[in-house]
N, C-alpha and C. Protein backbone atom coordinates (compact mmCIF):
# COMPACT_ATOMS: atom_id res chain seq x y z
N UNK A 1 0.82 -1.19 0.00
CA UNK A 1 0.00 0.00 0.00
C UNK A 1 0.87 1.26 0.00
N UNK A 2 2.00 1.23 0.73
CA UNK A 2 2.84 2.42 0.79
C UNK A 2 3.48 2.70 -0.57
N UNK A 3 3.65 1.67 -1.38
CA UNK A 3 4.21 1.86 -2.72
C UNK A 3 3.17 2.45 -3.66
N UNK A 4 1.91 2.06 -3.48
CA UNK A 4 0.85 2.55 -4.35
C UNK A 4 0.52 4.02 -4.07
N UNK A 5 0.60 4.41 -2.83
CA UNK A 5 0.27 5.78 -2.45
C UNK A 5 1.23 6.23 -1.34
N UNK A 6 2.46 6.58 -1.72
CA UNK A 6 3.49 6.86 -0.71
C UNK A 6 3.25 8.11 0.14
N UNK A 7 2.30 8.95 -0.23
CA UNK A 7 2.06 10.14 0.57
C UNK A 7 0.90 9.98 1.55
N UNK A 8 0.25 8.82 1.54
CA UNK A 8 -0.92 8.59 2.39
C UNK A 8 -0.47 8.08 3.76
N UNK A 9 -0.49 8.96 4.74
CA UNK A 9 0.04 8.68 6.09
C UNK A 9 -0.57 7.45 6.77
N UNK A 10 -1.88 7.21 6.65
CA UNK A 10 -2.42 6.03 7.34
C UNK A 10 -1.78 4.71 6.90
N UNK A 11 -1.37 4.60 5.65
CA UNK A 11 -0.69 3.38 5.21
C UNK A 11 0.64 3.20 5.94
N UNK A 12 1.38 4.30 6.08
CA UNK A 12 2.66 4.23 6.78
C UNK A 12 2.47 3.88 8.24
N UNK A 13 1.42 4.45 8.83
CA UNK A 13 1.12 4.18 10.24
C UNK A 13 0.79 2.70 10.43
N UNK A 14 -0.05 2.16 9.56
CA UNK A 14 -0.40 0.74 9.63
C UNK A 14 0.84 -0.14 9.40
N UNK A 15 1.67 0.23 8.43
CA UNK A 15 2.91 -0.53 8.18
C UNK A 15 3.80 -0.51 9.42
N UNK A 16 3.82 0.60 10.14
CA UNK A 16 4.58 0.68 11.39
C UNK A 16 4.08 -0.30 12.43
N UNK A 17 2.77 -0.39 12.56
CA UNK A 17 2.21 -1.34 13.54
C UNK A 17 2.50 -2.78 13.15
N UNK A 18 2.42 -3.07 11.86
CA UNK A 18 2.72 -4.43 11.40
C UNK A 18 4.18 -4.77 11.68
N UNK A 19 5.07 -3.84 11.34
CA UNK A 19 6.51 -4.07 11.59
C UNK A 19 6.77 -4.24 13.09
N UNK A 20 6.13 -3.42 13.90
CA UNK A 20 6.31 -3.50 15.35
C UNK A 20 5.85 -4.87 15.87
N UNK A 21 4.68 -5.32 15.40
CA UNK A 21 4.15 -6.61 15.83
C UNK A 21 5.06 -7.77 15.43
N UNK A 22 5.78 -7.58 14.34
CA UNK A 22 6.71 -8.62 13.87
C UNK A 22 8.09 -8.50 14.51
N UNK A 23 8.25 -7.53 15.41
CA UNK A 23 9.53 -7.36 16.09
C UNK A 23 10.56 -6.58 15.30
N UNK A 24 10.14 -5.93 14.23
CA UNK A 24 11.05 -5.13 13.40
C UNK A 24 10.93 -3.67 13.82
N UNK A 25 11.50 -3.39 15.00
CA UNK A 25 11.32 -2.07 15.60
C UNK A 25 11.97 -0.95 14.79
N UNK A 26 13.12 -1.21 14.19
CA UNK A 26 13.77 -0.17 13.39
C UNK A 26 12.89 0.23 12.21
N UNK A 27 12.32 -0.77 11.53
CA UNK A 27 11.40 -0.48 10.42
C UNK A 27 10.16 0.23 10.94
N UNK A 28 9.64 -0.23 12.07
CA UNK A 28 8.44 0.39 12.64
C UNK A 28 8.67 1.88 12.90
N UNK A 29 9.80 2.20 13.49
CA UNK A 29 10.10 3.61 13.77
C UNK A 29 10.19 4.41 12.47
N UNK A 30 10.85 3.85 11.48
CA UNK A 30 10.97 4.54 10.19
C UNK A 30 9.57 4.78 9.59
N UNK A 31 8.70 3.79 9.68
CA UNK A 31 7.35 3.95 9.14
C UNK A 31 6.54 4.96 9.95
N UNK A 32 6.67 4.93 11.29
CA UNK A 32 5.98 5.91 12.12
C UNK A 32 6.50 7.33 11.84
N UNK A 33 7.80 7.46 11.63
CA UNK A 33 8.38 8.77 11.28
C UNK A 33 7.79 9.28 9.97
N UNK A 34 7.65 8.39 9.01
CA UNK A 34 7.09 8.78 7.72
C UNK A 34 5.63 9.20 7.88
N UNK A 35 4.86 8.43 8.63
CA UNK A 35 3.45 8.78 8.86
C UNK A 35 3.35 10.15 9.54
N UNK A 36 4.16 10.37 10.56
CA UNK A 36 4.12 11.64 11.29
C UNK A 36 4.54 12.81 10.40
N UNK A 37 5.50 12.58 9.52
CA UNK A 37 5.93 13.67 8.63
C UNK A 37 4.90 13.95 7.54
N UNK A 38 4.16 12.93 7.13
CA UNK A 38 3.12 13.11 6.11
C UNK A 38 1.87 13.78 6.68
N UNK A 39 1.68 13.65 7.98
CA UNK A 39 0.51 14.23 8.64
C UNK A 39 0.95 14.84 9.97
N UNK A 40 1.65 15.99 9.91
CA UNK A 40 2.30 16.54 11.10
C UNK A 40 1.36 16.98 12.23
N UNK A 41 0.10 17.20 11.96
CA UNK A 41 -0.81 17.60 13.04
C UNK A 41 -1.54 16.42 13.66
N UNK A 42 -1.25 15.22 13.19
CA UNK A 42 -1.91 14.04 13.73
C UNK A 42 -1.21 13.61 15.02
N UNK A 43 -1.87 13.85 16.14
CA UNK A 43 -1.28 13.55 17.44
C UNK A 43 -1.11 12.05 17.68
N UNK A 44 -2.03 11.25 17.14
CA UNK A 44 -1.90 9.80 17.29
C UNK A 44 -0.60 9.31 16.69
N UNK A 45 -0.27 9.77 15.49
CA UNK A 45 0.98 9.35 14.84
C UNK A 45 2.19 9.82 15.64
N UNK A 46 2.14 11.07 16.08
CA UNK A 46 3.28 11.63 16.82
C UNK A 46 3.47 10.93 18.16
N UNK A 47 2.38 10.64 18.86
CA UNK A 47 2.51 10.00 20.17
C UNK A 47 2.93 8.53 20.05
N UNK A 48 2.52 7.88 18.97
CA UNK A 48 2.99 6.52 18.74
C UNK A 48 4.49 6.53 18.47
N UNK A 49 4.94 7.50 17.70
CA UNK A 49 6.37 7.65 17.42
C UNK A 49 7.12 7.99 18.71
N UNK A 50 6.58 8.89 19.50
CA UNK A 50 7.21 9.25 20.78
C UNK A 50 7.34 8.01 21.67
N UNK A 51 6.30 7.22 21.73
CA UNK A 51 6.32 5.99 22.50
C UNK A 51 7.43 5.05 22.01
N UNK A 52 7.56 4.94 20.70
CA UNK A 52 8.59 4.07 20.12
C UNK A 52 9.99 4.57 20.46
N UNK A 53 10.19 5.88 20.38
CA UNK A 53 11.50 6.45 20.74
C UNK A 53 11.84 6.12 22.19
N UNK A 54 10.86 6.29 23.09
CA UNK A 54 11.12 6.04 24.51
C UNK A 54 11.39 4.56 24.78
N UNK A 55 10.68 3.69 24.08
CA UNK A 55 10.94 2.25 24.23
C UNK A 55 12.35 1.90 23.77
N UNK A 56 12.76 2.47 22.65
CA UNK A 56 14.10 2.17 22.14
C UNK A 56 15.17 2.76 23.04
N UNK A 57 14.90 3.93 23.62
CA UNK A 57 15.86 4.51 24.56
C UNK A 57 16.06 3.54 25.73
N UNK A 58 14.98 2.98 26.22
CA UNK A 58 15.04 2.06 27.36
C UNK A 58 15.72 0.74 26.99
N UNK A 59 15.49 0.24 25.78
CA UNK A 59 16.02 -1.06 25.35
C UNK A 59 17.47 -1.04 24.91
N UNK A 60 17.92 0.08 24.43
CA UNK A 60 19.25 0.15 23.82
C UNK A 60 20.35 -0.08 24.84
N UNK A 61 21.32 -0.89 24.44
CA UNK A 61 22.48 -1.15 25.30
C UNK A 61 23.54 -0.07 25.12
N UNK A 62 23.49 0.61 24.01
CA UNK A 62 24.50 1.62 23.68
C UNK A 62 24.12 2.98 24.27
N UNK A 63 25.00 3.59 25.06
CA UNK A 63 24.71 4.94 25.58
C UNK A 63 24.49 5.95 24.46
N UNK A 64 25.21 5.80 23.36
CA UNK A 64 25.04 6.71 22.23
C UNK A 64 23.65 6.58 21.63
N UNK A 65 23.17 5.35 21.46
CA UNK A 65 21.82 5.12 20.92
C UNK A 65 20.75 5.60 21.90
N UNK A 66 20.98 5.37 23.19
CA UNK A 66 20.02 5.85 24.19
C UNK A 66 19.89 7.37 24.10
N UNK A 67 21.03 8.04 23.99
CA UNK A 67 21.00 9.50 23.89
C UNK A 67 20.31 9.94 22.60
N UNK A 68 20.59 9.24 21.51
CA UNK A 68 19.96 9.57 20.23
C UNK A 68 18.43 9.48 20.32
N UNK A 69 17.93 8.38 20.90
CA UNK A 69 16.48 8.23 21.02
C UNK A 69 15.89 9.21 22.02
N UNK A 70 16.63 9.52 23.09
CA UNK A 70 16.16 10.52 24.04
C UNK A 70 16.02 11.87 23.35
N UNK A 71 17.03 12.25 22.57
CA UNK A 71 16.99 13.54 21.88
C UNK A 71 15.85 13.61 20.86
N UNK A 72 15.62 12.51 20.16
CA UNK A 72 14.50 12.47 19.21
C UNK A 72 13.18 12.63 19.96
N UNK A 73 13.05 11.94 21.08
CA UNK A 73 11.83 12.03 21.88
C UNK A 73 11.65 13.44 22.44
N UNK A 74 12.73 14.02 22.93
CA UNK A 74 12.67 15.38 23.48
C UNK A 74 12.22 16.37 22.42
N UNK A 75 12.83 16.30 21.24
CA UNK A 75 12.49 17.22 20.15
C UNK A 75 11.05 17.03 19.70
N UNK A 76 10.61 15.79 19.62
CA UNK A 76 9.24 15.53 19.18
C UNK A 76 8.24 16.06 20.20
N UNK A 77 8.48 15.82 21.48
CA UNK A 77 7.55 16.32 22.50
C UNK A 77 7.55 17.85 22.52
N UNK A 78 8.71 18.47 22.36
CA UNK A 78 8.76 19.94 22.31
C UNK A 78 7.96 20.46 21.12
N UNK A 79 8.06 19.76 19.99
CA UNK A 79 7.30 20.14 18.82
C UNK A 79 5.79 19.98 19.06
N UNK A 80 5.42 18.90 19.71
CA UNK A 80 4.00 18.69 20.04
C UNK A 80 3.50 19.77 20.99
N UNK A 81 4.32 20.14 21.96
CA UNK A 81 3.92 21.17 22.92
C UNK A 81 3.74 22.53 22.26
N UNK A 82 4.48 22.79 21.18
CA UNK A 82 4.36 24.06 20.46
C UNK A 82 3.26 24.03 19.39
N UNK A 83 2.72 22.89 19.14
CA UNK A 83 1.72 22.71 18.10
C UNK A 83 0.45 23.50 18.42
N UNK A 84 -0.29 23.89 17.36
CA UNK A 84 -1.58 24.54 17.62
C UNK A 84 -2.57 23.59 18.30
N UNK A 85 -2.30 22.29 18.21
CA UNK A 85 -3.15 21.27 18.83
C UNK A 85 -2.28 20.35 19.68
N UNK A 86 -1.76 20.85 20.81
CA UNK A 86 -0.85 20.02 21.61
C UNK A 86 -1.54 18.78 22.15
N UNK A 87 -0.75 17.74 22.35
CA UNK A 87 -1.28 16.50 22.91
C UNK A 87 -1.57 16.71 24.39
N UNK A 88 -2.72 16.26 24.80
CA UNK A 88 -3.10 16.36 26.20
C UNK A 88 -2.73 15.06 26.91
N UNK A 89 -2.70 15.10 28.22
CA UNK A 89 -2.32 13.91 28.98
C UNK A 89 -3.23 12.73 28.68
N UNK A 90 -4.52 12.99 28.47
CA UNK A 90 -5.45 11.92 28.13
C UNK A 90 -5.06 11.22 26.84
N UNK A 91 -4.62 12.01 25.86
CA UNK A 91 -4.15 11.42 24.59
C UNK A 91 -2.93 10.54 24.84
N UNK A 92 -2.03 11.03 25.67
CA UNK A 92 -0.81 10.27 25.95
C UNK A 92 -1.14 8.95 26.63
N UNK A 93 -2.02 9.00 27.62
CA UNK A 93 -2.40 7.78 28.34
C UNK A 93 -3.05 6.77 27.39
N UNK A 94 -3.87 7.27 26.49
CA UNK A 94 -4.62 6.40 25.59
C UNK A 94 -3.77 5.84 24.46
N UNK A 95 -2.87 6.65 23.90
CA UNK A 95 -2.21 6.28 22.65
C UNK A 95 -0.77 5.82 22.79
N UNK A 96 -0.16 6.07 23.93
CA UNK A 96 1.24 5.65 24.10
C UNK A 96 1.29 4.29 24.76
N UNK A 97 2.04 3.37 24.16
CA UNK A 97 2.16 2.01 24.69
C UNK A 97 2.79 1.99 26.07
N UNK A 98 3.68 2.91 26.34
CA UNK A 98 4.45 2.89 27.57
C UNK A 98 4.34 4.21 28.32
N UNK A 99 3.13 4.77 28.35
CA UNK A 99 2.97 6.08 28.97
C UNK A 99 3.46 6.08 30.41
N UNK A 100 4.32 7.01 30.71
CA UNK A 100 4.85 7.20 32.05
C UNK A 100 4.99 8.70 32.26
N UNK A 101 4.21 9.30 33.14
CA UNK A 101 4.28 10.75 33.32
C UNK A 101 5.69 11.23 33.68
N UNK A 102 6.46 10.39 34.37
CA UNK A 102 7.83 10.78 34.73
C UNK A 102 8.69 10.96 33.48
N UNK A 103 8.50 10.12 32.48
CA UNK A 103 9.24 10.27 31.23
C UNK A 103 8.90 11.58 30.54
N UNK A 104 7.62 11.93 30.56
CA UNK A 104 7.19 13.18 29.92
C UNK A 104 7.80 14.37 30.66
N UNK A 105 7.79 14.34 31.99
CA UNK A 105 8.40 15.42 32.77
C UNK A 105 9.91 15.51 32.49
N UNK A 106 10.56 14.37 32.39
CA UNK A 106 12.00 14.33 32.10
C UNK A 106 12.30 14.97 30.74
N UNK A 107 11.47 14.64 29.73
CA UNK A 107 11.66 15.22 28.40
C UNK A 107 11.41 16.72 28.40
N UNK A 108 10.35 17.13 29.09
CA UNK A 108 10.03 18.56 29.14
C UNK A 108 11.10 19.35 29.88
N UNK A 109 11.65 18.77 30.94
CA UNK A 109 12.74 19.44 31.68
C UNK A 109 13.96 19.58 30.77
N UNK A 110 14.26 18.54 29.99
CA UNK A 110 15.40 18.61 29.07
C UNK A 110 15.15 19.64 27.98
N UNK A 111 13.92 19.73 27.50
CA UNK A 111 13.59 20.72 26.47
C UNK A 111 13.72 22.13 27.03
N UNK A 112 13.26 22.32 28.26
CA UNK A 112 13.37 23.63 28.91
C UNK A 112 14.83 24.01 29.11
N UNK A 113 15.63 23.06 29.55
CA UNK A 113 17.06 23.29 29.74
C UNK A 113 17.73 23.64 28.41
N UNK A 114 17.37 22.91 27.36
CA UNK A 114 17.97 23.17 26.04
C UNK A 114 17.58 24.55 25.54
N UNK A 115 16.34 24.95 25.76
CA UNK A 115 15.89 26.26 25.27
C UNK A 115 16.53 27.40 26.08
N UNK A 116 16.81 27.16 27.37
CA UNK A 116 17.45 28.21 28.16
C UNK A 116 18.94 28.32 27.84
N UNK A 117 19.53 27.25 27.33
CA UNK A 117 20.93 27.28 26.92
C UNK A 117 21.12 27.89 25.54
N UNK A 118 20.04 27.94 24.75
CA UNK A 118 20.06 28.48 23.41
C UNK A 118 18.94 29.48 23.25
N UNK A 119 19.10 30.69 23.78
CA UNK A 119 18.01 31.67 23.70
C UNK A 119 17.67 32.03 22.26
N UNK A 120 16.40 32.31 22.04
CA UNK A 120 15.95 32.70 20.69
C UNK A 120 16.26 34.17 20.47
N UNK A 121 16.03 34.62 19.25
CA UNK A 121 16.28 36.03 18.94
C UNK A 121 15.34 36.95 19.69
N UNK A 122 14.15 36.42 20.10
CA UNK A 122 13.20 37.23 20.82
C UNK A 122 13.63 37.51 22.24
N UNK A 123 14.53 36.69 22.78
CA UNK A 123 14.95 36.83 24.19
C UNK A 123 15.80 38.04 24.40
C-alpha cells in the first residue's frame, strides 16, 4: 500500500504497527516517522512515534543510541507542545504504549534546559 500511495500517512502508520508486531522495531520507527511527517498535526501518529522512541531509549544497550532516542523524543515532545493542537495527557495515556508521566516530565525538563541554553532572537 505504501508503494501505491506513498504520501498517504495512514498506510505508513499501519505498516509501522505491522513491523512492530513482527519485532522489526527499526522499520516500525521509520514507518511511524514517515506517517508523522506526512501528517504533522496528527497527534496519534506523533505519540505513537514518541512511545517508540522512549521504548528504544530504554532497550538500547549503547549509551550513544540511548542519547539519540532521548533527543528524538525530546524534540518531538517539544514540537508537540508548540503545536496549535498540543497533545493532552489523556491522549498520551490512551495512545502511548508505555505512557509514564515521569518520562514526559524528564523530556520537558530537558527541552526547557535546552531552550534556556540556546536563547531565541526574541529573548
